[in-house]
Amino acid sequence: MEVKQCVCVCVCVAVLCVCDGVKFGQLCSGNSANSRRTSDGWGDGHYGARRGTREHKGLDIVCSDGSTVYAPFNVTLNGGVIVYTDAKKAAINNGINLRGEGLCFKLFYVQPDRLSGSVMKGERIGVMMPMQTVYRGITSHVHVQMCDKSDPTPYF
């Protein structure tokens, strides 16, 4: 059996950093292709979509409520994320900070199994929270946001 090694090459120009060849593996059970949230009654899931007066700073990957969420590649877990300050959204007010493959990113609406340590690609990192309880009719999804709020789309 031949073992190949990959080297991640990250190139930063001004504020934009792209790690050559890095692609997210499956994030959510039931969505092996990492299908993106398109348009629904709550808006669009692409990076840069309008959210009233603000801009969406992430990419939404379809994930059914209660589904298993996986590490997209070998990652280090770096603590939790509080998504909202609004108590009415407490049911989905969790996420996790991750680092791996030269990237720093956050996953919103995930109840993490733990908040620190290393996890291998494809291992469970948590469960999709009950988005429908807060946003009835939305396409339930994991929100992927880069730590520097740059566009995560090239990694999918």
C-alpha atoms as a PDB file:
ATOM      1  CA  MET A   1       0.000   0.000   0.000  1.00  0.00           C
ATOM      2  CA  GLU A   2       1.425   3.359  -1.018  1.00  0.00           C
ATOM      3  CA  VAL A   3       1.056   6.209   1.472  1.00  0.00           C
ATOM      4  CA  LYS A   4       0.945   9.720   0.073  1.00  0.00           C
ATOM      5  CA  GLN A   5       1.661  12.791   2.109  1.00  0.00           C
ATOM      6  CA  CYS A   6       0.000  16.136   1.488  1.00  0.00           C
ATOM      7  CA  VAL A   7       1.473  19.467   2.414  1.00  0.00           C
ATOM      8  CA  CYS A   8      -0.808  22.410   3.069  1.00  0.00           C
ATOM      9  CA  VAL A   9       0.461  25.585   1.451  1.00  0.00           C
ATOM     10  CA  CYS A  10      -1.153  28.741   2.768  1.00  0.00           C
ATOM     11  CA  VAL A  11      -0.785  31.958   0.829  1.00  0.00           C
ATOM     12  CA  CYS A  12      -1.811  35.270   2.391  1.00  0.00           C
ATOM     13  CA  VAL A  13      -2.296  38.392   0.301  1.00  0.00           C
ATOM     14  CA  ALA A  14      -3.449  41.465   2.198  1.00  0.00           C
ATOM     15  CA  VAL A  15      -6.283  40.044   4.333  1.00  0.00           C
ATOM     16  CA  LEU A  16      -7.207  37.032   2.164  1.00  0.00           C
ATOM     17  CA  CYS A  17      -5.612  33.702   3.083  1.00  0.00           C
ATOM     18  CA  VAL A  18      -6.261  30.561   1.068  1.00  0.00           C
ATOM     19  CA  CYS A  19      -4.751  27.214   1.968  1.00  0.00           C
ATOM     20  CA  ASP A  20      -4.141  25.481  -1.350  1.00  0.00           C
ATOM     21  CA  GLY A  21      -5.974  22.202  -1.762  1.00  0.00           C
ATOM     22  CA  VAL A  22      -7.759  22.235   1.604  1.00  0.00           C
ATOM     23  CA  LYS A  23     -11.340  20.984   1.334  1.00  0.00           C
ATOM     24  CA  PHE A  24     -13.826  20.297   4.093  1.00  0.00           C
ATOM     25  CA  GLY A  25     -14.852  16.678   4.467  1.00  0.00           C
ATOM     26  CA  GLN A  26     -18.420  15.747   5.374  1.00  0.00           C
ATOM     27  CA  LEU A  27     -19.720  17.974   8.182  1.00  0.00           C
ATOM     28  CA  CYS A  28     -23.108  16.438   8.857  1.00  0.00           C
ATOM     29  CA  SER A  29     -24.684  12.976   8.751  1.00  0.00           C
ATOM     30  CA  GLY A  30     -27.117  12.767   5.851  1.00  0.00           C
ATOM     31  CA  ASN A  31     -25.202  15.357   3.782  1.00  0.00           C
ATOM     32  CA  SER A  32     -22.078  13.672   2.404  1.00  0.00           C
ATOM     33  CA  ALA A  33     -21.732  16.317  -0.338  1.00  0.00           C
ATOM     34  CA  ASN A  34     -21.847  19.261   2.106  1.00  0.00           C
ATOM     35  CA  SER A  35     -24.829  20.709   0.230  1.00  0.00           C
ATOM     36  CA  ARG A  36     -25.280  24.383   0.939  1.00  0.00           C
ATOM     37  CA  ARG A  37     -28.376  26.105   2.190  1.00  0.00           C
ATOM     38  CA  THR A  38     -29.824  28.050  -0.714  1.00  0.00           C
ATOM     39  CA  SER A  39     -32.808  30.382  -0.368  1.00  0.00           C
ATOM     40  CA  ASP A  40     -35.687  29.899   2.067  1.00  0.00           C
ATOM     41  CA  GLY A  41     -38.143  32.141   3.888  1.00  0.00           C
ATOM     42  CA  TRP A  42     -35.375  33.300   6.235  1.00  0.00           C
ATOM     43  CA  GLY A  43     -32.906  34.327   3.519  1.00  0.00           C
ATOM     44  CA  ASP A  44     -29.909  32.890   1.679  1.00  0.00           C
ATOM     45  CA  GLY A  45     -27.078  30.791   3.100  1.00  0.00           C
ATOM     46  CA  HIS A  46     -24.163  31.980   0.968  1.00  0.00           C
ATOM     47  CA  TYR A  47     -21.323  34.155   2.211  1.00  0.00           C
ATOM     48  CA  GLY A  48     -22.157  37.845   1.796  1.00  0.00           C
ATOM     49  CA  ALA A  49     -25.956  37.371   1.752  1.00  0.00           C
ATOM     50  CA  ARG A  50     -27.869  40.330   3.158  1.00  0.00           C
ATOM     51  CA  ARG A  51     -29.286  40.015   6.664  1.00  0.00           C
ATOM     52  CA  GLY A  52     -31.212  43.267   6.956  1.00  0.00           C
ATOM     53  CA  THR A  53     -28.523  45.887   7.498  1.00  0.00           C
ATOM     54  CA  ARG A  54     -25.693  43.402   7.900  1.00  0.00           C
ATOM     55  CA  GLU A  55     -23.857  40.881   5.777  1.00  0.00           C
ATOM     56  CA  HIS A  56     -23.780  37.102   6.373  1.00  0.00           C
ATOM     57  CA  LYS A  57     -20.179  36.257   7.294  1.00  0.00           C
ATOM     58  CA  GLY A  58     -20.366  32.501   6.866  1.00  0.00           C
ATOM     59  CA  LEU A  59     -21.524  29.639   4.683  1.00  0.00           C
ATOM     60  CA  ASP A  60     -24.506  27.509   5.693  1.00  0.00           C
ATOM     61  CA  ILE A  61     -24.192  23.734   5.211  1.00  0.00           C
ATOM     62  CA  VAL A  62     -27.471  21.781   5.327  1.00  0.00           C
ATOM     63  CA  CYS A  63     -27.809  19.671   8.479  1.00  0.00           C
ATOM     64  CA  SER A  64     -31.022  18.247   9.935  1.00  0.00           C
ATOM     65  CA  ASP A  65     -31.814  18.956  13.576  1.00  0.00           C
ATOM     66  CA  GLY A  66     -30.334  16.251  15.807  1.00  0.00           C
ATOM     67  CA  SER A  67     -27.864  15.012  13.174  1.00  0.00           C
ATOM     68  CA  THR A  68     -24.304  14.047  14.017  1.00  0.00           C
ATOM     69  CA  VAL A  69     -21.671  16.670  13.179  1.00  0.00           C
ATOM     70  CA  TYR A  70     -18.217  15.445  12.131  1.00  0.00           C
ATOM     71  CA  ALA A  71     -14.689  16.866  12.055  1.00  0.00           C
ATOM     72  CA  PRO A  72     -14.115  17.917   8.409  1.00  0.00           C
ATOM     73  CA  PHE A  73     -10.394  17.050   8.696  1.00  0.00           C
ATOM     74  CA  ASN A  74      -8.014  16.507  11.623  1.00  0.00           C
ATOM     75  CA  VAL A  75      -8.743  19.382  14.002  1.00  0.00           C
ATOM     76  CA  THR A  76      -7.962  20.792  17.401  1.00  0.00           C
ATOM     77  CA  LEU A  77     -10.979  21.924  19.424  1.00  0.00           C
ATOM     78  CA  ASN A  78     -10.442  25.388  20.899  1.00  0.00           C
ATOM     79  CA  GLY A  79     -13.419  26.128  23.116  1.00  0.00           C
ATOM     80  CA  GLY A  80     -17.061  26.950  22.700  1.00  0.00           C
ATOM     81  CA  VAL A  81     -18.869  29.728  20.862  1.00  0.00           C
ATOM     82  CA  ILE A  82     -21.864  31.692  22.111  1.00  0.00           C
ATOM     83  CA  VAL A  83     -23.779  32.644  18.966  1.00  0.00           C
ATOM     84  CA  TYR A  84     -26.475  35.011  20.287  1.00  0.00           C
ATOM     85  CA  THR A  85     -27.127  37.387  23.165  1.00  0.00           C
ATOM     86  CA  ASP A  86     -30.901  36.951  22.706  1.00  0.00           C
ATOM     87  CA  ALA A  87     -32.321  34.549  25.333  1.00  0.00           C
ATOM     88  CA  LYS A  88     -35.142  33.605  22.912  1.00  0.00           C
ATOM     89  CA  LYS A  89     -32.501  31.795  20.809  1.00  0.00           C
ATOM     90  CA  ALA A  90     -31.019  29.785  23.703  1.00  0.00           C
ATOM     91  CA  ALA A  91     -32.033  26.465  22.076  1.00  0.00           C
ATOM     92  CA  ILE A  92     -29.402  26.981  19.351  1.00  0.00           C
ATOM     93  CA  ASN A  93     -26.904  29.189  21.148  1.00  0.00           C
ATOM     94  CA  ASN A  94     -23.812  26.995  20.937  1.00  0.00           C
ATOM     95  CA  GLY A  95     -20.928  26.274  18.648  1.00  0.00           C
ATOM     96  CA  ILE A  96     -17.261  25.410  18.652  1.00  0.00           C
ATOM     97  CA  ASN A  97     -13.925  26.938  17.633  1.00  0.00           C
ATOM     98  CA  LEU A  98     -11.648  24.671  15.586  1.00  0.00           C
ATOM     99  CA  ARG A  99      -8.197  24.726  13.991  1.00  0.00           C
ATOM    100  CA  GLY A 100      -6.803  22.399  11.371  1.00  0.00           C
ATOM    101  CA  GLU A 101      -5.139  22.283   7.954  1.00  0.00           C
ATOM    102  CA  GLY A 102      -3.854  25.819   8.537  1.00  0.00           C
ATOM    103  CA  LEU A 103      -7.383  27.160   9.061  1.00  0.00           C
ATOM    104  CA  CYS A 104      -9.169  28.689  12.030  1.00  0.00           C
ATOM    105  CA  PHE A 105     -12.963  28.406  11.859  1.00  0.00           C
ATOM    106  CA  LYS A 106     -16.157  28.177  13.904  1.00  0.00           C
ATOM    107  CA  LEU A 107     -19.194  25.949  13.587  1.00  0.00           C
ATOM    108  CA  PHE A 108     -22.439  27.510  14.880  1.00  0.00           C
ATOM    109  CA  TYR A 109     -25.596  25.673  16.030  1.00  0.00           C
ATOM    110  CA  VAL A 110     -23.629  22.617  17.163  1.00  0.00           C
ATOM    111  CA  GLN A 111     -23.818  21.167  20.663  1.00  0.00           C
ATOM    112  CA  PRO A 112     -20.195  20.019  21.030  1.00  0.00           C
ATOM    113  CA  ASP A 113     -19.342  16.711  22.674  1.00  0.00           C
ATOM    114  CA  ARG A 114     -16.287  18.386  24.193  1.00  0.00           C
ATOM    115  CA  LEU A 115     -14.450  21.713  23.887  1.00  0.00           C
ATOM    116  CA  SER A 116     -10.778  20.783  23.767  1.00  0.00           C
ATOM    117  CA  GLY A 117      -8.434  18.163  22.414  1.00  0.00           C
ATOM    118  CA  SER A 118      -7.730  16.676  19.010  1.00  0.00           C
ATOM    119  CA  VAL A 119     -10.241  14.970  16.757  1.00  0.00           C
ATOM    120  CA  MET A 120      -9.552  12.995  13.588  1.00  0.00           C
ATOM    121  CA  LYS A 121     -11.334  13.583  10.280  1.00  0.00           C
ATOM    122  CA  GLY A 122     -14.787  11.983  10.278  1.00  0.00           C
ATOM    123  CA  GLU A 123     -15.030  11.602  14.049  1.00  0.00           C
ATOM    124  CA  ARG A 124     -18.081  12.959  15.799  1.00  0.00           C
ATOM    125  CA  ILE A 125     -17.628  16.411  17.347  1.00  0.00           C
ATOM    126  CA  GLY A 126     -21.235  17.104  18.312  1.00  0.00           C
ATOM    127  CA  VAL A 127     -24.907  17.266  17.373  1.00  0.00           C
ATOM    128  CA  MET A 128     -26.879  19.764  15.298  1.00  0.00           C
ATOM    129  CA  MET A 129     -29.063  21.820  17.619  1.00  0.00           C
ATOM    130  CA  PRO A 130     -32.871  22.162  17.153  1.00  0.00           C
ATOM    131  CA  MET A 131     -32.906  25.076  14.703  1.00  0.00           C
ATOM    132  CA  GLN A 132     -36.595  24.583  13.880  1.00  0.00           C
ATOM    133  CA  THR A 133     -37.558  25.560  17.434  1.00  0.00           C
ATOM    134  CA  VAL A 134     -36.163  29.049  16.833  1.00  0.00           C
ATOM    135  CA  TYR A 135     -36.502  29.542  13.058  1.00  0.00           C
ATOM    136  CA  ARG A 136     -39.565  27.504  12.016  1.00  0.00           C
ATOM    137  CA  GLY A 137     -39.352  26.621   8.303  1.00  0.00           C
ATOM    138  CA  ILE A 138     -35.684  27.525   7.808  1.00  0.00           C
ATOM    139  CA  THR A 139     -33.407  24.999   6.126  1.00  0.00           C
ATOM    140  CA  SER A 140     -31.591  23.686   9.211  1.00  0.00           C
ATOM    141  CA  HIS A 141     -27.842  24.110   8.837  1.00  0.00           C
ATOM    142  CA  VAL A 142     -24.414  24.379  10.394  1.00  0.00           C
ATOM    143  CA  HIS A 143     -22.998  27.877   9.918  1.00  0.00           C
ATOM    144  CA  VAL A 144     -19.284  27.766   8.998  1.00  0.00           C
ATOM    145  CA  GLN A 145     -17.435  30.987   9.777  1.00  0.00           C
ATOM    146  CA  MET A 146     -13.724  31.639   9.421  1.00  0.00           C
ATOM    147  CA  CYS A 147     -12.139  33.229  12.512  1.00  0.00           C
ATOM    148  CA  ASP A 148     -11.130  36.250  10.441  1.00  0.00           C
ATOM    149  CA  LYS A 149     -14.638  36.362   8.871  1.00  0.00           C
ATOM    150  CA  SER A 150     -13.236  35.767   5.377  1.00  0.00           C
ATOM    151  CA  ASP A 151     -15.200  33.680   2.853  1.00  0.00           C
ATOM    152  CA  PRO A 152     -15.144  29.917   3.634  1.00  0.00           C
ATOM    153  CA  THR A 153     -16.646  28.993   0.224  1.00  0.00           C
ATOM    154  CA  PRO A 154     -13.306  28.092  -1.448  1.00  0.00           C
ATOM    155  CA  TYR A 155     -12.861  25.275   1.079  1.00  0.00           C
ATOM    156  CA  PHE A 156     -16.070  23.525  -0.038  1.00  0.00           C
END
